[in-house]
């Protein structure tokens, strides 16, 4: 056992901080609800070109692998909810999009630029952090490293 694993933090090997946010349907989703599954936690916004660029790869990754993707939208930086809904419909995204309405979760995760992705293993431990857009191959590579 890595002694660091009981510590909540943002480093690889730390327990990912839990949070709850509402999805586009208004339901509350908690990170800890997905314990036992591999999770890609992605912070994004509709106005961010690299975020838009990686979304089709994220959708493909979600469809092809046994992975949970939580797309946390920096809602306090968006102009409207409508914009997010149009974007997700246009790209046919069907993984959960969560709205960080007050920016609390992005502050908790110290998000300085989007996209930023965290790969979290079945035990809730951060195994990888990626700044900037990822492509499908990069996502799969990190997924396969996790148990």
Protein backbone atom coordinates (compact mmCIF):
# COMPACT_ATOMS: atom_id res chain seq x y z
CA UNK A 1 0.00 0.00 0.00
CA UNK A 2 1.28 3.40 -0.90
CA UNK A 3 0.90 5.43 2.34
CA UNK A 4 -0.03 8.48 0.29
CA UNK A 5 -3.16 6.80 -1.04
CA UNK A 6 -5.29 7.62 1.99
CA UNK A 7 -4.44 11.30 1.48
CA UNK A 8 -6.85 13.38 -0.53
CA UNK A 9 -4.97 15.56 -2.98
CA UNK A 10 -4.28 16.38 -6.60
CA UNK A 11 -1.04 14.48 -7.11
CA UNK A 12 -0.74 11.14 -8.84
CA UNK A 13 -1.14 8.55 -6.08
CA UNK A 14 -3.51 10.70 -4.01
CA UNK A 15 -7.21 10.10 -3.48
CA UNK A 16 -9.18 12.35 -5.86
CA UNK A 17 -11.21 14.95 -3.92
CA UNK A 18 -14.89 14.03 -3.92
CA UNK A 19 -17.48 16.52 -5.19
CA UNK A 20 -21.07 16.68 -6.27
CA UNK A 21 -22.51 18.62 -9.20
CA UNK A 22 -25.68 18.60 -11.23
CA UNK A 23 -25.76 17.13 -14.72
CA UNK A 24 -27.64 18.64 -17.67
CA UNK A 25 -30.79 16.83 -16.54
CA UNK A 26 -30.58 18.47 -13.11
CA UNK A 27 -29.62 15.28 -11.27
CA UNK A 28 -26.89 15.36 -8.64
CA UNK A 29 -23.80 13.31 -9.46
CA UNK A 30 -20.97 12.55 -7.05
CA UNK A 31 -17.50 11.41 -8.04
CA UNK A 32 -17.63 8.76 -5.29
CA UNK A 33 -20.73 7.23 -6.96
CA UNK A 34 -18.32 5.79 -9.53
CA UNK A 35 -15.96 4.02 -7.12
CA UNK A 36 -15.16 0.62 -8.63
CA UNK A 37 -14.98 2.05 -12.16
CA UNK A 38 -12.22 3.79 -14.07
CA UNK A 39 -12.98 7.48 -14.45
CA UNK A 40 -11.75 10.19 -16.80
CA UNK A 41 -12.55 13.52 -15.16
CA UNK A 42 -12.34 16.24 -17.79
CA UNK A 43 -12.63 19.99 -17.17
CA UNK A 44 -13.75 21.91 -20.24
CA UNK A 45 -15.75 24.82 -21.67
CA UNK A 46 -17.55 25.41 -24.97
CA UNK A 47 -15.41 28.51 -25.74
CA UNK A 48 -12.17 26.53 -25.57
CA UNK A 49 -10.99 25.31 -29.01
CA UNK A 50 -8.78 22.42 -27.73
CA UNK A 51 -11.72 21.25 -25.57
CA UNK A 52 -13.96 21.21 -28.61
CA UNK A 53 -11.27 19.37 -30.57
CA UNK A 54 -10.91 16.53 -28.05
CA UNK A 55 -14.64 15.91 -27.49
CA UNK A 56 -15.15 13.54 -30.45
CA UNK A 57 -12.20 11.44 -29.22
CA UNK A 58 -13.66 11.44 -25.71
CA UNK A 59 -17.01 10.25 -27.06
CA UNK A 60 -15.28 7.46 -28.98
CA UNK A 61 -13.27 6.51 -25.88
CA UNK A 62 -16.51 6.41 -23.85
CA UNK A 63 -18.22 4.18 -26.42
CA UNK A 64 -15.34 1.77 -26.88
CA UNK A 65 -13.96 1.31 -23.36
CA UNK A 66 -15.48 0.45 -20.01
CA UNK A 67 -14.84 3.94 -18.68
CA UNK A 68 -16.83 6.66 -16.94
CA UNK A 69 -16.27 10.12 -18.37
CA UNK A 70 -17.36 13.11 -16.33
CA UNK A 71 -17.13 16.30 -18.38
CA UNK A 72 -17.12 19.17 -15.88
CA UNK A 73 -18.11 22.35 -17.68
CA UNK A 74 -16.76 25.60 -16.19
CA UNK A 75 -20.28 26.94 -16.16
CA UNK A 76 -19.40 30.23 -14.48
CA UNK A 77 -17.39 31.11 -17.62
CA UNK A 78 -20.15 30.23 -20.12
CA UNK A 79 -22.68 32.66 -21.57
CA UNK A 80 -25.66 30.32 -21.32
CA UNK A 81 -26.85 26.81 -20.58
CA UNK A 82 -28.29 26.74 -24.09
CA UNK A 83 -24.79 26.95 -25.54
CA UNK A 84 -23.67 23.83 -23.66
CA UNK A 85 -26.80 21.91 -24.64
CA UNK A 86 -26.38 22.85 -28.31
CA UNK A 87 -22.74 21.80 -28.20
CA UNK A 88 -23.44 18.41 -26.60
CA UNK A 89 -26.30 17.73 -29.04
CA UNK A 90 -24.25 18.73 -32.05
CA UNK A 91 -21.42 16.40 -31.05
CA UNK A 92 -23.81 13.68 -29.83
CA UNK A 93 -22.05 13.47 -26.47
CA UNK A 94 -23.75 10.98 -24.19
CA UNK A 95 -21.39 10.87 -21.24
CA UNK A 96 -22.37 12.95 -18.20
CA UNK A 97 -21.79 16.70 -18.56
CA UNK A 98 -21.65 18.30 -15.12
CA UNK A 99 -22.13 22.00 -14.47
CA UNK A 100 -19.62 23.64 -12.13
CA UNK A 101 -22.00 26.54 -11.58
CA UNK A 102 -19.96 28.49 -9.03
CA UNK A 103 -16.51 27.24 -10.03
CA UNK A 104 -16.10 25.38 -6.72
CA UNK A 105 -14.94 22.11 -8.24
CA UNK A 106 -12.53 23.70 -10.68
CA UNK A 107 -11.04 25.62 -7.73
CA UNK A 108 -10.83 22.43 -5.66
CA UNK A 109 -8.97 20.78 -8.56
CA UNK A 110 -6.86 23.91 -9.14
CA UNK A 111 -7.82 24.11 -12.81
CA UNK A 112 -5.73 26.86 -14.38
CA UNK A 113 -6.33 25.99 -18.02
CA UNK A 114 -8.81 23.86 -19.93
CA UNK A 115 -8.92 21.15 -20.93
CA UNK A 116 -7.40 19.37 -17.95
CA UNK A 117 -8.07 15.68 -17.40
CA UNK A 118 -7.58 13.42 -14.42
CA UNK A 119 -7.57 9.65 -14.76
CA UNK A 120 -8.88 8.05 -11.57
CA UNK A 121 -8.67 4.32 -10.88
CA UNK A 122 -11.31 2.00 -9.45
CA UNK A 123 -10.20 2.84 -5.92
CA UNK A 124 -10.53 6.58 -6.44
CA UNK A 125 -6.78 7.20 -6.77
CA UNK A 126 -5.45 9.70 -9.34
CA UNK A 127 -3.21 7.83 -11.78
CA UNK A 128 -2.60 10.49 -14.40
CA UNK A 129 -3.13 14.20 -14.93
CA UNK A 130 -3.09 15.70 -18.40
CA UNK A 131 -2.98 19.41 -19.24
CA UNK A 132 -4.24 20.22 -22.71
CA UNK A 133 -6.17 18.21 -25.26
CA UNK A 134 -5.74 14.46 -25.48
CA UNK A 135 -6.39 12.24 -28.46
CA UNK A 136 -8.03 8.82 -28.40
CA UNK A 137 -4.70 6.94 -28.35
CA UNK A 138 -3.47 8.93 -25.33
CA UNK A 139 -6.74 8.25 -23.48
CA UNK A 140 -6.52 4.52 -24.16
CA UNK A 141 -2.89 4.41 -23.08
CA UNK A 142 -3.70 5.93 -19.67
CA UNK A 143 -6.81 3.76 -19.34
CA UNK A 144 -4.80 0.59 -19.91
CA UNK A 145 -2.21 1.58 -17.30
CA UNK A 146 -4.87 1.72 -14.59
CA UNK A 147 -6.23 -1.28 -12.74
